[in-house]
């Protein structure tokens, strides 16, 4: 004769309890910060060379100024953060309503 025993064990914290431990919300990742700082230092220390490289690309008959600009934009993506896109949805005839609140 077989008997089945069912054991239920919940893993983790019960719902509704506040988060404890770990990184605080909004805290930047250390590795990403270090990588951004290293890249910023590289660009800052090589700005004169970067200008020469971009000029060489822009004056090249096969590449041209558009490719030079694209290269500059690719470098800028690592140094200057992109802004998030915002989409407004709702009724076209009604005005957009903004709600601003301050936390104490």
PDB file of N, CA and C in Angstrom:
ATOM      1  N   UNK A   1       0.839  -1.160   0.000  1.00  0.00           N
ATOM      2  CA  UNK A   1       0.000   0.000   0.000  1.00  0.00           C
ATOM      3  C   UNK A   1       0.894   1.236   0.000  1.00  0.00           C
ATOM      4  N   UNK A   2       0.623   2.133  -0.923  1.00  0.00           N
ATOM      5  CA  UNK A   2       1.391   3.381  -1.027  1.00  0.00           C
ATOM      6  C   UNK A   2       0.640   4.496  -0.357  1.00  0.00           C
ATOM      7  N   UNK A   3       1.397   5.327   0.345  1.00  0.00           N
ATOM      8  CA  UNK A   3       0.773   6.510   0.919  1.00  0.00           C
ATOM      9  C   UNK A   3       1.543   7.727   0.431  1.00  0.00           C
ATOM     10  N   UNK A   4       0.804   8.704   0.013  1.00  0.00           N
ATOM     11  CA  UNK A   4       1.427   9.925  -0.488  1.00  0.00           C
ATOM     12  C   UNK A   4       1.339  10.996   0.583  1.00  0.00           C
ATOM     13  N   UNK A   5       2.477  11.601   0.823  1.00  0.00           N
ATOM     14  CA  UNK A   5       2.521  12.689   1.784  1.00  0.00           C
ATOM     15  C   UNK A   5       2.877  13.951   1.003  1.00  0.00           C
ATOM     16  N   UNK A   6       2.053  14.916   1.129  1.00  0.00           N
ATOM     17  CA  UNK A   6       2.280  16.159   0.394  1.00  0.00           C
ATOM     18  C   UNK A   6       2.775  17.213   1.370  1.00  0.00           C
ATOM     19  N   UNK A   7       3.934  17.745   1.065  1.00  0.00           N
ATOM     20  CA  UNK A   7       4.508  18.771   1.916  1.00  0.00           C
ATOM     21  C   UNK A   7       4.546  20.066   1.111  1.00  0.00           C
ATOM     22  N   UNK A   8       3.911  21.075   1.637  1.00  0.00           N
ATOM     23  CA  UNK A   8       3.948  22.362   0.955  1.00  0.00           C
ATOM     24  C   UNK A   8       4.791  23.313   1.788  1.00  0.00           C
ATOM     25  N   UNK A   9       5.742  23.910   1.144  1.00  0.00           N
ATOM     26  CA  UNK A   9       6.633  24.837   1.835  1.00  0.00           C
ATOM     27  C   UNK A   9       6.796  26.072   0.957  1.00  0.00           C
ATOM     28  N   UNK A  10       6.428  27.184   1.489  1.00  0.00           N
ATOM     29  CA  UNK A  10       6.559  28.422   0.736  1.00  0.00           C
ATOM     30  C   UNK A  10       7.972  28.964   0.923  1.00  0.00           C
ATOM     31  N   UNK A  11       8.563  29.319  -0.151  1.00  0.00           N
ATOM     32  CA  UNK A  11       9.904  29.875  -0.105  1.00  0.00           C
ATOM     33  C   UNK A  11       9.802  31.380  -0.291  1.00  0.00           C
ATOM     34  N   UNK A  12      10.559  32.115   0.492  1.00  0.00           N
ATOM     35  CA  UNK A  12      10.563  33.559   0.352  1.00  0.00           C
ATOM     36  C   UNK A  12       9.743  34.226   1.430  1.00  0.00           C
ATOM     37  N   UNK A  13       9.650  35.500   1.285  1.00  0.00           N
ATOM     38  CA  UNK A  13       8.969  36.338   2.263  1.00  0.00           C
ATOM     39  C   UNK A  13       7.487  36.429   1.927  1.00  0.00           C
ATOM     40  N   UNK A  14       6.629  36.479   2.926  1.00  0.00           N
ATOM     41  CA  UNK A  14       5.194  36.645   2.644  1.00  0.00           C
ATOM     42  C   UNK A  14       4.930  37.976   1.945  1.00  0.00           C
ATOM     43  N   UNK A  15       3.913  38.012   1.141  1.00  0.00           N
ATOM     44  CA  UNK A  15       3.567  39.233   0.412  1.00  0.00           C
ATOM     45  C   UNK A  15       3.202  40.342   1.387  1.00  0.00           C
ATOM     46  N   UNK A  16       3.566  41.563   0.994  1.00  0.00           N
ATOM     47  CA  UNK A  16       3.207  42.712   1.796  1.00  0.00           C
ATOM     48  C   UNK A  16       4.307  43.194   2.724  1.00  0.00           C
ATOM     49  N   UNK A  17       5.313  42.373   2.980  1.00  0.00           N
ATOM     50  CA  UNK A  17       6.413  42.810   3.831  1.00  0.00           C
ATOM     51  C   UNK A  17       7.375  43.668   3.024  1.00  0.00           C
ATOM     52  N   UNK A  18       7.978  44.693   3.641  1.00  0.00           N
ATOM     53  CA  UNK A  18       8.891  45.566   2.891  1.00  0.00           C
ATOM     54  C   UNK A  18      10.172  44.844   2.502  1.00  0.00           C
ATOM     55  N   UNK A  19      10.803  45.357   1.452  1.00  0.00           N
ATOM     56  CA  UNK A  19      12.059  44.802   0.957  1.00  0.00           C
ATOM     57  C   UNK A  19      13.168  45.086   1.971  1.00  0.00           C
ATOM     58  N   UNK A  20      13.982  44.092   2.209  1.00  0.00           N
ATOM     59  CA  UNK A  20      15.134  44.287   3.095  1.00  0.00           C
ATOM     60  C   UNK A  20      16.380  43.809   2.371  1.00  0.00           C
ATOM     61  N   UNK A  21      17.494  44.500   2.610  1.00  0.00           N
ATOM     62  CA  UNK A  21      18.755  44.108   2.000  1.00  0.00           C
ATOM     63  C   UNK A  21      18.812  44.468   0.536  1.00  0.00           C
ATOM     64  N   UNK A  22      19.946  44.212  -0.061  1.00  0.00           N
ATOM     65  CA  UNK A  22      20.119  44.494  -1.479  1.00  0.00           C
ATOM     66  C   UNK A  22      20.368  45.962  -1.744  1.00  0.00           C
ATOM     67  N   UNK A  23      20.442  46.292  -2.990  1.00  0.00           N
ATOM     68  CA  UNK A  23      20.722  47.666  -3.410  1.00  0.00           C
ATOM     69  C   UNK A  23      19.453  48.505  -3.301  1.00  0.00           C
ATOM     70  N   UNK A  24      19.599  49.735  -2.872  1.00  0.00           N
ATOM     71  CA  UNK A  24      18.471  50.653  -2.794  1.00  0.00           C
ATOM     72  C   UNK A  24      17.991  50.996  -4.206  1.00  0.00           C
ATOM     73  N   UNK A  25      16.726  51.269  -4.337  1.00  0.00           N
ATOM     74  CA  UNK A  25      16.177  51.649  -5.640  1.00  0.00           C
ATOM     75  C   UNK A  25      16.839  52.934  -6.112  1.00  0.00           C
ATOM     76  N   UNK A  26      17.259  52.946  -7.367  1.00  0.00           N
ATOM     77  CA  UNK A  26      17.876  54.133  -7.941  1.00  0.00           C
ATOM     78  C   UNK A  26      19.382  54.182  -7.789  1.00  0.00           C
ATOM     79  N   UNK A  27      19.968  53.250  -7.056  1.00  0.00           N
ATOM     80  CA  UNK A  27      21.418  53.222  -6.895  1.00  0.00           C
ATOM     81  C   UNK A  27      22.048  52.687  -8.177  1.00  0.00           C
ATOM     82  N   UNK A  28      23.005  53.425  -8.753  1.00  0.00           N
ATOM     83  CA  UNK A  28      23.599  52.961 -10.004  1.00  0.00           C
ATOM     84  C   UNK A  28      24.477  51.732  -9.801  1.00  0.00           C
ATOM     85  N   UNK A  29      24.568  50.915 -10.818  1.00  0.00           N
ATOM     86  CA  UNK A  29      25.413  49.740 -10.813  1.00  0.00           C
ATOM     87  C   UNK A  29      26.868  50.196 -10.789  1.00  0.00           C
ATOM     88  N   UNK A  30      27.679  49.653  -9.862  1.00  0.00           N
ATOM     89  CA  UNK A  30      29.071  50.083  -9.717  1.00  0.00           C
ATOM     90  C   UNK A  30      29.892  49.784 -10.970  1.00  0.00           C
ATOM     91  N   UNK A  31      29.706  48.611 -11.544  1.00  0.00           N
ATOM     92  CA  UNK A  31      30.483  48.237 -12.729  1.00  0.00           C
ATOM     93  C   UNK A  31      30.179  49.170 -13.892  1.00  0.00           C
ATOM     94  N   UNK A  32      28.913  49.523 -14.063  1.00  0.00           N
ATOM     95  CA  UNK A  32      28.535  50.440 -15.135  1.00  0.00           C
ATOM     96  C   UNK A  32      29.145  51.811 -14.886  1.00  0.00           C
ATOM     97  N   UNK A  33      29.132  52.269 -13.652  1.00  0.00           N
ATOM     98  CA  UNK A  33      29.722  53.562 -13.313  1.00  0.00           C
ATOM     99  C   UNK A  33      31.216  53.597 -13.579  1.00  0.00           C
ATOM    100  N   UNK A  34      31.899  52.516 -13.222  1.00  0.00           N
ATOM    101  CA  UNK A  34      33.350  52.436 -13.455  1.00  0.00           C
ATOM    102  C   UNK A  34      33.635  52.425 -14.953  1.00  0.00           C
ATOM    103  N   UNK A  35      32.855  51.677 -15.718  1.00  0.00           N
ATOM    104  CA  UNK A  35      33.062  51.608 -17.172  1.00  0.00           C
ATOM    105  C   UNK A  35      32.809  52.971 -17.816  1.00  0.00           C
ATOM    106  N   UNK A  36      31.755  53.660 -17.391  1.00  0.00           N
ATOM    107  CA  UNK A  36      31.468  54.988 -17.945  1.00  0.00           C
ATOM    108  C   UNK A  36      32.588  55.973 -17.613  1.00  0.00           C
ATOM    109  N   UNK A  37      33.093  55.903 -16.384  1.00  0.00           N
ATOM    110  CA  UNK A  37      34.168  56.804 -15.979  1.00  0.00           C
ATOM    111  C   UNK A  37      35.447  56.520 -16.773  1.00  0.00           C
ATOM    112  N   UNK A  38      35.758  55.241 -16.977  1.00  0.00           N
ATOM    113  CA  UNK A  38      36.955  54.878 -17.758  1.00  0.00           C
ATOM    114  C   UNK A  38      36.821  55.375 -19.187  1.00  0.00           C
ATOM    115  N   UNK A  39      35.647  55.209 -19.774  1.00  0.00           N
ATOM    116  CA  UNK A  39      35.450  55.665 -21.149  1.00  0.00           C
ATOM    117  C   UNK A  39      35.508  57.183 -21.229  1.00  0.00           C
ATOM    118  N   UNK A  40      34.934  57.855 -20.240  1.00  0.00           N
ATOM    119  CA  UNK A  40      34.984  59.318 -20.216  1.00  0.00           C
ATOM    120  C   UNK A  40      36.425  59.802 -20.121  1.00  0.00           C
ATOM    121  N   UNK A  41      37.227  59.149 -19.281  1.00  0.00           N
ATOM    122  CA  UNK A  41      38.642  59.516 -19.170  1.00  0.00           C
ATOM    123  C   UNK A  41      39.372  59.288 -20.486  1.00  0.00           C
ATOM    124  N   UNK A  42      39.068  58.172 -21.158  1.00  0.00           N
ATOM    125  CA  UNK A  42      39.696  57.887 -22.446  1.00  0.00           C
ATOM    126  C   UNK A  42      39.365  58.968 -23.464  1.00  0.00           C
ATOM    127  N   UNK A  43      38.094  59.331 -23.551  1.00  0.00           N
ATOM    128  CA  UNK A  43      37.673  60.361 -24.509  1.00  0.00           C
ATOM    129  C   UNK A  43      38.306  61.707 -24.151  1.00  0.00           C
ATOM    130  N   UNK A  44      38.301  62.055 -22.868  1.00  0.00           N
ATOM    131  CA  UNK A  44      38.887  63.327 -22.440  1.00  0.00           C
ATOM    132  C   UNK A  44      40.379  63.398 -22.740  1.00  0.00           C
ATOM    133  N   UNK A  45      41.083  62.299 -22.501  1.00  0.00           N
ATOM    134  CA  UNK A  45      42.529  62.283 -22.711  1.00  0.00           C
ATOM    135  C   UNK A  45      42.924  62.158 -24.180  1.00  0.00           C
ATOM    136  N   UNK A  46      41.979  61.798 -25.031  1.00  0.00           N
ATOM    137  CA  UNK A  46      42.279  61.609 -26.449  1.00  0.00           C
ATOM    138  C   UNK A  46      41.418  62.495 -27.341  1.00  0.00           C
ATOM    139  N   UNK A  47      40.913  63.590 -26.812  1.00  0.00           N
ATOM    140  CA  UNK A  47      40.027  64.464 -27.581  1.00  0.00           C
ATOM    141  C   UNK A  47      40.723  64.997 -28.829  1.00  0.00           C
ATOM    142  N   UNK A  48      41.998  65.362 -28.698  1.00  0.00           N
ATOM    143  CA  UNK A  48      42.714  65.881 -29.872  1.00  0.00           C
ATOM    144  C   UNK A  48      42.890  64.805 -30.930  1.00  0.00           C
ATOM    145  N   UNK A  49      43.177  63.566 -30.504  1.00  0.00           N
ATOM    146  CA  UNK A  49      43.303  62.453 -31.456  1.00  0.00           C
ATOM    147  C   UNK A  49      41.952  62.122 -32.081  1.00  0.00           C
ATOM    148  N   UNK A  50      40.904  62.172 -31.259  1.00  0.00           N
ATOM    149  CA  UNK A  50      39.559  61.887 -31.758  1.00  0.00           C
ATOM    150  C   UNK A  50      39.180  62.872 -32.855  1.00  0.00           C
ATOM    151  N   UNK A  51      39.521  64.135 -32.668  1.00  0.00           N
ATOM    152  CA  UNK A  51      39.246  65.154 -33.679  1.00  0.00           C
ATOM    153  C   UNK A  51      39.994  64.844 -34.973  1.00  0.00           C
ATOM    154  N   UNK A  52      41.243  64.421 -34.850  1.00  0.00           N
ATOM    155  CA  UNK A  52      42.040  64.072 -36.040  1.00  0.00           C
ATOM    156  C   UNK A  52      41.428  62.872 -36.749  1.00  0.00           C
ATOM    157  N   UNK A  53      41.019  61.854 -35.979  1.00  0.00           N
ATOM    158  CA  UNK A  53      40.407  60.664 -36.572  1.00  0.00           C
ATOM    159  C   UNK A  53      39.119  61.025 -37.312  1.00  0.00           C
ATOM    160  N   UNK A  54      38.292  61.847 -36.683  1.00  0.00           N
ATOM    161  CA  UNK A  54      37.029  62.239 -37.310  1.00  0.00           C
ATOM    162  C   UNK A  54      37.283  63.073 -38.568  1.00  0.00           C
ATOM    163  N   UNK A  55      38.282  63.963 -38.523  1.00  0.00           N
ATOM    164  CA  UNK A  55      38.634  64.748 -39.712  1.00  0.00           C
ATOM    165  C   UNK A  55      39.116  63.848 -40.839  1.00  0.00           C
ATOM    166  N   UNK A  56      39.931  62.835 -40.506  1.00  0.00           N
ATOM    167  CA  UNK A  56      40.419  61.890 -41.514  1.00  0.00           C
ATOM    168  C   UNK A  56      39.256  61.122 -42.155  1.00  0.00           C
ATOM    169  N   UNK A  57      38.315  60.713 -41.342  1.00  0.00           N
ATOM    170  CA  UNK A  57      37.153  59.983 -41.865  1.00  0.00           C
ATOM    171  C   UNK A  57      36.311  60.907 -42.749  1.00  0.00           C
ATOM    172  N   UNK A  58      36.086  62.142 -42.283  1.00  0.00           N
ATOM    173  CA  UNK A  58      35.240  63.087 -43.016  1.00  0.00           C
ATOM    174  C   UNK A  58      35.833  63.452 -44.368  1.00  0.00           C
ATOM    175  N   UNK A  59      37.166  63.537 -44.460  1.00  0.00           N
ATOM    176  CA  UNK A  59      37.799  63.930 -45.725  1.00  0.00           C
ATOM    177  C   UNK A  59      38.092  62.738 -46.635  1.00  0.00           C
ATOM    178  N   UNK A  60      37.873  61.531 -46.148  1.00  0.00           N
ATOM    179  CA  UNK A  60      38.079  60.339 -46.963  1.00  0.00           C
ATOM    180  C   UNK A  60      36.994  60.268 -48.027  1.00  0.00           C
ATOM    181  N   UNK A  61      37.395  60.043 -49.276  1.00  0.00           N
ATOM    182  CA  UNK A  61      36.439  60.015 -50.391  1.00  0.00           C
ATOM    183  C   UNK A  61      35.430  58.876 -50.271  1.00  0.00           C
ATOM    184  N   UNK A  62      35.861  57.733 -49.734  1.00  0.00           N
ATOM    185  CA  UNK A  62      34.967  56.581 -49.627  1.00  0.00           C
ATOM    186  C   UNK A  62      34.009  56.696 -48.434  1.00  0.00           C
ATOM    187  N   UNK A  63      34.430  57.397 -47.383  1.00  0.00           N
ATOM    188  CA  UNK A  63      33.618  57.457 -46.170  1.00  0.00           C
ATOM    189  C   UNK A  63      32.804  58.739 -46.080  1.00  0.00           C
ATOM    190  N   UNK A  64      33.452  59.859 -45.944  1.00  0.00           N
ATOM    191  CA  UNK A  64      32.767  61.145 -45.956  1.00  0.00           C
ATOM    192  C   UNK A  64      32.281  61.611 -44.593  1.00  0.00           C
ATOM    193  N   UNK A  65      31.708  62.824 -44.557  1.00  0.00           N
ATOM    194  CA  UNK A  65      31.293  63.427 -43.301  1.00  0.00           C
ATOM    195  C   UNK A  65      30.154  62.699 -42.590  1.00  0.00           C
ATOM    196  N   UNK A  66      29.284  62.031 -43.348  1.00  0.00           N
ATOM    197  CA  UNK A  66      28.186  61.304 -42.695  1.00  0.00           C
ATOM    198  C   UNK A  66      28.724  60.173 -41.833  1.00  0.00           C
ATOM    199  N   UNK A  67      29.711  59.452 -42.326  1.00  0.00           N
ATOM    200  CA  UNK A  67      30.311  58.361 -41.555  1.00  0.00           C
ATOM    201  C   UNK A  67      31.037  58.928 -40.338  1.00  0.00           C
ATOM    202  N   UNK A  68      31.709  60.066 -40.509  1.00  0.00           N
ATOM    203  CA  UNK A  68      32.386  60.711 -39.377  1.00  0.00           C
ATOM    204  C   UNK A  68      31.372  61.098 -38.304  1.00  0.00           C
ATOM    205  N   UNK A  69      30.251  61.637 -38.726  1.00  0.00           N
ATOM    206  CA  UNK A  69      29.201  62.016 -37.774  1.00  0.00           C
ATOM    207  C   UNK A  69      28.638  60.782 -37.076  1.00  0.00           C
ATOM    208  N   UNK A  70      28.421  59.704 -37.830  1.00  0.00           N
ATOM    209  CA  UNK A  70      27.921  58.463 -37.231  1.00  0.00           C
ATOM    210  C   UNK A  70      28.904  57.930 -36.188  1.00  0.00           C
ATOM    211  N   UNK A  71      30.207  58.025 -36.484  1.00  0.00           N
ATOM    212  CA  UNK A  71      31.228  57.593 -35.519  1.00  0.00           C
ATOM    213  C   UNK A  71      31.160  58.438 -34.253  1.00  0.00           C
ATOM    214  N   UNK A  72      31.017  59.739 -34.419  1.00  0.00           N
ATOM    215  CA  UNK A  72      30.921  60.630 -33.275  1.00  0.00           C
ATOM    216  C   UNK A  72      29.695  60.286 -32.418  1.00  0.00           C
ATOM    217  N   UNK A  73      28.586  60.001 -33.063  1.00  0.00           N
ATOM    218  CA  UNK A  73      27.369  59.650 -32.332  1.00  0.00           C
ATOM    219  C   UNK A  73      27.535  58.329 -31.582  1.00  0.00           C
ATOM    220  N   UNK A  74      28.241  57.388 -32.183  1.00  0.00           N
ATOM    221  CA  UNK A  74      28.475  56.108 -31.510  1.00  0.00           C
ATOM    222  C   UNK A  74      29.358  56.289 -30.284  1.00  0.00           C
ATOM    223  N   UNK A  75      30.349  57.170 -30.374  1.00  0.00           N
ATOM    224  CA  UNK A  75      31.203  57.461 -29.225  1.00  0.00           C
ATOM    225  C   UNK A  75      30.388  58.185 -28.155  1.00  0.00           C
ATOM    226  N   UNK A  76      29.549  59.102 -28.568  1.00  0.00           N
ATOM    227  CA  UNK A  76      28.755  59.895 -27.625  1.00  0.00           C
ATOM    228  C   UNK A  76      27.781  59.025 -26.833  1.00  0.00           C
ATOM    229  N   UNK A  77      27.303  57.944 -27.424  1.00  0.00           N
ATOM    230  CA  UNK A  77      26.362  57.071 -26.722  1.00  0.00           C
ATOM    231  C   UNK A  77      26.951  56.517 -25.437  1.00  0.00           C
ATOM    232  N   UNK A  78      28.268  56.328 -25.408  1.00  0.00           N
ATOM    233  CA  UNK A  78      28.906  55.792 -24.210  1.00  0.00           C
ATOM    234  C   UNK A  78      29.183  56.881 -23.182  1.00  0.00           C
ATOM    235  N   UNK A  79      29.257  58.115 -23.626  1.00  0.00           N
ATOM    236  CA  UNK A  79      29.679  59.207 -22.755  1.00  0.00           C
ATOM    237  C   UNK A  79      28.505  60.072 -22.284  1.00  0.00           C
ATOM    238  N   UNK A  80      27.507  60.224 -23.128  1.00  0.00           N
ATOM    239  CA  UNK A  80      26.347  61.058 -22.806  1.00  0.00           C
ATOM    240  C   UNK A  80      25.130  60.150 -22.735  1.00  0.00           C
ATOM    241  N   UNK A  81      24.422  60.135 -21.610  1.00  0.00           N
ATOM    242  CA  UNK A  81      23.271  59.238 -21.503  1.00  0.00           C
ATOM    243  C   UNK A  81      22.138  59.635 -22.450  1.00  0.00           C
ATOM    244  N   UNK A  82      21.469  58.613 -22.969  1.00  0.00           N
ATOM    245  CA  UNK A  82      20.318  58.861 -23.841  1.00  0.00           C
ATOM    246  C   UNK A  82      19.119  59.236 -22.978  1.00  0.00           C
ATOM    247  N   UNK A  83      18.287  60.081 -23.510  1.00  0.00           N
ATOM    248  CA  UNK A  83      17.057  60.438 -22.818  1.00  0.00           C
ATOM    249  C   UNK A  83      15.973  59.440 -23.184  1.00  0.00           C
ATOM    250  N   UNK A  84      15.169  59.098 -22.218  1.00  0.00           N
ATOM    251  CA  UNK A  84      14.080  58.166 -22.465  1.00  0.00           C
ATOM    252  C   UNK A  84      13.000  58.854 -23.292  1.00  0.00           C
ATOM    253  N   UNK A  85      12.401  58.106 -24.164  1.00  0.00           N
ATOM    254  CA  UNK A  85      11.302  58.655 -24.960  1.00  0.00           C
ATOM    255  C   UNK A  85      10.030  58.648 -24.134  1.00  0.00           C
ATOM    256  N   UNK A  86       9.225  59.644 -24.358  1.00  0.00           N
ATOM    257  CA  UNK A  86       7.965  59.762 -23.640  1.00  0.00           C
ATOM    258  C   UNK A  86       6.827  59.751 -24.639  1.00  0.00           C
ATOM    259  N   UNK A  87       5.827  58.955 -24.348  1.00  0.00           N
ATOM    260  CA  UNK A  87       4.670  58.881 -25.230  1.00  0.00           C
ATOM    261  C   UNK A  87       3.455  59.352 -24.454  1.00  0.00           C
ATOM    262  N   UNK A  88       2.732  60.295 -25.037  1.00  0.00           N
ATOM    263  CA  UNK A  88       1.503  60.785 -24.419  1.00  0.00           C
ATOM    264  C   UNK A  88       0.336  60.110 -25.109  1.00  0.00           C
ATOM    265  N   UNK A  89      -0.505  59.491 -24.300  1.00  0.00           N
ATOM    266  CA  UNK A  89      -1.685  58.846 -24.871  1.00  0.00           C
ATOM    267  C   UNK A  89      -2.915  59.409 -24.182  1.00  0.00           C
ATOM    268  N   UNK A  90      -3.998  59.347 -24.849  1.00  0.00           N
ATOM    269  CA  UNK A  90      -5.242  59.836 -24.272  1.00  0.00           C
ATOM    270  C   UNK A  90      -6.083  60.506 -25.329  1.00  0.00           C
ATOM    271  N   UNK A  91      -7.104  61.170 -24.870  1.00  0.00           N
ATOM    272  CA  UNK A  91      -8.035  61.848 -25.755  1.00  0.00           C
ATOM    273  C   UNK A  91      -7.374  63.095 -26.337  1.00  0.00           C
ATOM    274  N   UNK A  92      -7.422  63.243 -27.639  1.00  0.00           N
ATOM    275  CA  UNK A  92      -6.797  64.366 -28.324  1.00  0.00           C
ATOM    276  C   UNK A  92      -7.484  65.684 -27.969  1.00  0.00           C
ATOM    277  N   UNK A  93      -8.770  65.642 -27.705  1.00  0.00           N
ATOM    278  CA  UNK A  93      -9.533  66.860 -27.437  1.00  0.00           C
ATOM    279  C   UNK A  93      -9.369  67.380 -26.008  1.00  0.00           C
ATOM    280  N   UNK A  94      -8.865  66.548 -25.119  1.00  0.00           N
ATOM    281  CA  UNK A  94      -8.725  66.964 -23.715  1.00  0.00           C
ATOM    282  C   UNK A  94      -7.269  67.360 -23.452  1.00  0.00           C
ATOM    283  N   UNK A  95      -7.061  68.345 -22.578  1.00  0.00           N
ATOM    284  CA  UNK A  95      -5.686  68.750 -22.270  1.00  0.00           C
ATOM    285  C   UNK A  95      -4.961  67.702 -21.437  1.00  0.00           C
ATOM    286  N   UNK A  96      -3.641  67.740 -21.486  1.00  0.00           N
ATOM    287  CA  UNK A  96      -2.841  66.842 -20.672  1.00  0.00           C
ATOM    288  C   UNK A  96      -2.805  67.403 -19.257  1.00  0.00           C
ATOM    289  N   UNK A  97      -3.031  66.550 -18.297  1.00  0.00           N
ATOM    290  CA  UNK A  97      -3.052  66.980 -16.899  1.00  0.00           C
ATOM    291  C   UNK A  97      -1.811  66.427 -16.205  1.00  0.00           C
ATOM    292  N   UNK A  98      -1.037  67.324 -15.592  1.00  0.00           N
ATOM    293  CA  UNK A  98       0.151  66.909 -14.864  1.00  0.00           C
ATOM    294  C   UNK A  98      -0.124  66.954 -13.364  1.00  0.00           C
ATOM    295  N   UNK A  99       0.303  65.956 -12.664  1.00  0.00           N
ATOM    296  CA  UNK A  99       0.158  65.912 -11.221  1.00  0.00           C
ATOM    297  C   UNK A  99       1.570  65.844 -10.636  1.00  0.00           C
ATOM    298  N   UNK A 100       1.884  66.851  -9.807  1.00  0.00           N
ATOM    299  CA  UNK A 100       3.209  66.914  -9.185  1.00  0.00           C
ATOM    300  C   UNK A 100       3.027  66.817  -7.685  1.00  0.00           C
ATOM    301  N   UNK A 101       3.832  65.958  -7.054  1.00  0.00           N
ATOM    302  CA  UNK A 101       3.751  65.833  -5.609  1.00  0.00           C
ATOM    303  C   UNK A 101       5.163  65.750  -5.042  1.00  0.00           C
ATOM    304  N   UNK A 102       5.320  66.167  -3.806  1.00  0.00           N
ATOM    305  CA  UNK A 102       6.607  66.150  -3.143  1.00  0.00           C
ATOM    306  C   UNK A 102       6.547  65.183  -1.986  1.00  0.00           C
ATOM    307  N   UNK A 103       7.642  64.453  -1.800  1.00  0.00           N
ATOM    308  CA  UNK A 103       7.750  63.542  -0.666  1.00  0.00           C
ATOM    309  C   UNK A 103       8.541  64.240   0.429  1.00  0.00           C
ATOM    310  N   UNK A 104       8.121  64.060   1.647  1.00  0.00           N
ATOM    311  CA  UNK A 104       8.835  64.670   2.781  1.00  0.00           C
ATOM    312  C   UNK A 104       9.851  63.716   3.330  1.00  0.00           C
TER     313      UNK A 104
END
